[in-house]
């Protein structure tokens, strides 16, 4: 009985870790995308402000 509960806990723990990893990866990808967009906008606007930054 205890072995079955341990196996169930291990499976749940593995799934939770996988979901957390996927969420972290997705979040990092989103942040990377936002940074790319922001730097693209800054590069576009830079000449309009005299290119001093």
N, C-alpha and C. Protein backbone atom coordinates (compact mmCIF):
# COMPACT_ATOMS: atom_id res chain seq x y z
N UNK A 1 0.82 -1.21 0.00
CA UNK A 1 0.00 0.00 0.00
C UNK A 1 0.86 1.26 0.00
N UNK A 2 1.86 1.27 0.85
CA UNK A 2 2.75 2.44 0.92
C UNK A 2 3.52 2.61 -0.38
N UNK A 3 3.90 1.49 -0.99
CA UNK A 3 4.64 1.58 -2.26
C UNK A 3 3.78 2.19 -3.35
N UNK A 4 2.50 1.83 -3.38
CA UNK A 4 1.59 2.39 -4.38
C UNK A 4 1.42 3.88 -4.15
N UNK A 5 1.31 4.29 -2.89
CA UNK A 5 1.18 5.72 -2.60
C UNK A 5 2.46 6.46 -2.98
N UNK A 6 3.61 5.86 -2.72
CA UNK A 6 4.89 6.48 -3.10
C UNK A 6 4.98 6.66 -4.60
N UNK A 7 4.55 5.62 -5.34
CA UNK A 7 4.60 5.70 -6.80
C UNK A 7 3.68 6.80 -7.31
N UNK A 8 2.50 6.90 -6.69
CA UNK A 8 1.54 7.94 -7.09
C UNK A 8 2.11 9.33 -6.79
N UNK A 9 2.70 9.48 -5.62
CA UNK A 9 3.32 10.76 -5.27
C UNK A 9 4.46 11.11 -6.22
N UNK A 10 5.27 10.12 -6.54
CA UNK A 10 6.38 10.36 -7.48
C UNK A 10 5.86 10.82 -8.83
N UNK A 11 4.79 10.19 -9.31
CA UNK A 11 4.23 10.55 -10.60
C UNK A 11 3.66 11.97 -10.56
N UNK A 12 2.97 12.31 -9.48
CA UNK A 12 2.41 13.66 -9.37
C UNK A 12 3.52 14.71 -9.30
N UNK A 13 4.57 14.40 -8.55
CA UNK A 13 5.69 15.30 -8.38
C UNK A 13 6.40 15.53 -9.70
N UNK A 14 6.57 14.44 -10.46
CA UNK A 14 7.23 14.55 -11.77
C UNK A 14 6.38 15.43 -12.71
N UNK A 15 5.06 15.24 -12.66
CA UNK A 15 4.19 16.04 -13.54
C UNK A 15 4.23 17.51 -13.12
N UNK A 16 4.22 17.76 -11.82
CA UNK A 16 4.28 19.13 -11.33
C UNK A 16 5.58 19.82 -11.76
N UNK A 17 6.69 19.10 -11.61
CA UNK A 17 7.99 19.66 -12.03
C UNK A 17 7.99 19.96 -13.52
N UNK A 18 7.41 19.06 -14.31
CA UNK A 18 7.37 19.27 -15.76
C UNK A 18 6.54 20.50 -16.09
N UNK A 19 5.39 20.66 -15.42
CA UNK A 19 4.55 21.83 -15.67
C UNK A 19 5.25 23.12 -15.27
N UNK A 20 5.92 23.10 -14.13
CA UNK A 20 6.65 24.29 -13.69
C UNK A 20 7.75 24.65 -14.68
N UNK A 21 8.45 23.63 -15.18
CA UNK A 21 9.52 23.87 -16.15
C UNK A 21 8.94 24.46 -17.44
N UNK A 22 7.82 23.90 -17.89
CA UNK A 22 7.19 24.43 -19.11
C UNK A 22 6.74 25.88 -18.91
N UNK A 23 6.16 26.16 -17.74
CA UNK A 23 5.72 27.54 -17.46
C UNK A 23 6.91 28.49 -17.44
N UNK A 24 8.00 28.06 -16.81
CA UNK A 24 9.19 28.91 -16.75
C UNK A 24 9.74 29.15 -18.15
N UNK A 25 9.77 28.11 -18.97
CA UNK A 25 10.27 28.24 -20.34
C UNK A 25 9.40 29.18 -21.15
N UNK A 26 8.08 29.03 -21.01
CA UNK A 26 7.14 29.90 -21.73
C UNK A 26 7.30 31.35 -21.28
N UNK A 27 7.45 31.55 -19.97
CA UNK A 27 7.62 32.91 -19.44
C UNK A 27 8.90 33.54 -19.98
N UNK A 28 9.98 32.77 -19.98
CA UNK A 28 11.25 33.29 -20.50
C UNK A 28 11.13 33.64 -21.98
N UNK A 29 10.45 32.79 -22.73
CA UNK A 29 10.27 33.07 -24.16
C UNK A 29 9.45 34.35 -24.35
N UNK A 30 8.43 34.53 -23.52
CA UNK A 30 7.60 35.74 -23.61
C UNK A 30 8.42 36.98 -23.28
N UNK A 31 9.21 36.89 -22.21
CA UNK A 31 10.04 38.04 -21.82
C UNK A 31 11.06 38.34 -22.92
N UNK A 32 11.65 37.30 -23.48
CA UNK A 32 12.60 37.49 -24.59
C UNK A 32 11.95 38.15 -25.78
N UNK A 33 10.72 37.74 -26.09
CA UNK A 33 9.99 38.35 -27.19
C UNK A 33 9.69 39.82 -26.93
N UNK A 34 9.29 40.12 -25.69
CA UNK A 34 9.01 41.52 -25.34
C UNK A 34 10.27 42.37 -25.43
N UNK A 35 11.41 41.81 -24.97
CA UNK A 35 12.66 42.57 -25.05
C UNK A 35 13.04 42.83 -26.51
N UNK A 36 12.84 41.82 -27.35
CA UNK A 36 13.16 41.99 -28.77
C UNK A 36 12.28 43.07 -29.40
N UNK A 37 11.00 43.05 -29.06
CA UNK A 37 10.08 44.06 -29.60
C UNK A 37 10.48 45.45 -29.10
N UNK A 38 10.78 45.54 -27.80
CA UNK A 38 11.15 46.83 -27.21
C UNK A 38 12.42 47.38 -27.84
N UNK A 39 13.42 46.52 -28.02
CA UNK A 39 14.66 47.01 -28.62
C UNK A 39 14.45 47.38 -30.08
N UNK A 40 13.55 46.67 -30.75
CA UNK A 40 13.22 47.02 -32.13
C UNK A 40 12.55 48.38 -32.21
N UNK A 41 11.65 48.65 -31.29
CA UNK A 41 10.99 49.97 -31.26
C UNK A 41 12.00 51.06 -30.94
N UNK A 42 12.87 50.79 -29.96
CA UNK A 42 13.89 51.79 -29.60
C UNK A 42 14.80 52.08 -30.78
N UNK A 43 15.20 51.03 -31.51
CA UNK A 43 16.08 51.23 -32.66
C UNK A 43 15.36 52.03 -33.75
N UNK A 44 14.06 51.83 -33.87
CA UNK A 44 13.29 52.57 -34.87
C UNK A 44 13.15 54.04 -34.48
N UNK A 45 12.95 54.29 -33.19
CA UNK A 45 12.71 55.66 -32.74
C UNK A 45 14.01 56.46 -32.56
N UNK A 46 15.11 55.77 -32.40
CA UNK A 46 16.38 56.44 -32.09
C UNK A 46 16.72 57.56 -33.07
N UNK A 47 16.64 57.36 -34.36
CA UNK A 47 16.97 58.46 -35.29
C UNK A 47 16.07 59.68 -35.13
N UNK A 48 14.84 59.49 -34.70
CA UNK A 48 13.92 60.61 -34.53
C UNK A 48 14.34 61.53 -33.38
N UNK A 49 15.06 60.96 -32.43
CA UNK A 49 15.47 61.74 -31.26
C UNK A 49 16.96 62.10 -31.33
N UNK A 50 17.50 62.14 -32.50
CA UNK A 50 18.89 62.56 -32.68
C UNK A 50 19.90 61.48 -32.42
N UNK A 51 19.45 60.26 -32.15
CA UNK A 51 20.39 59.13 -31.98
C UNK A 51 21.30 59.27 -30.79
N UNK A 52 20.90 60.02 -29.76
CA UNK A 52 21.78 60.25 -28.63
C UNK A 52 21.72 59.19 -27.54
N UNK A 53 21.08 58.04 -27.83
CA UNK A 53 21.00 56.99 -26.80
C UNK A 53 21.14 55.67 -27.45
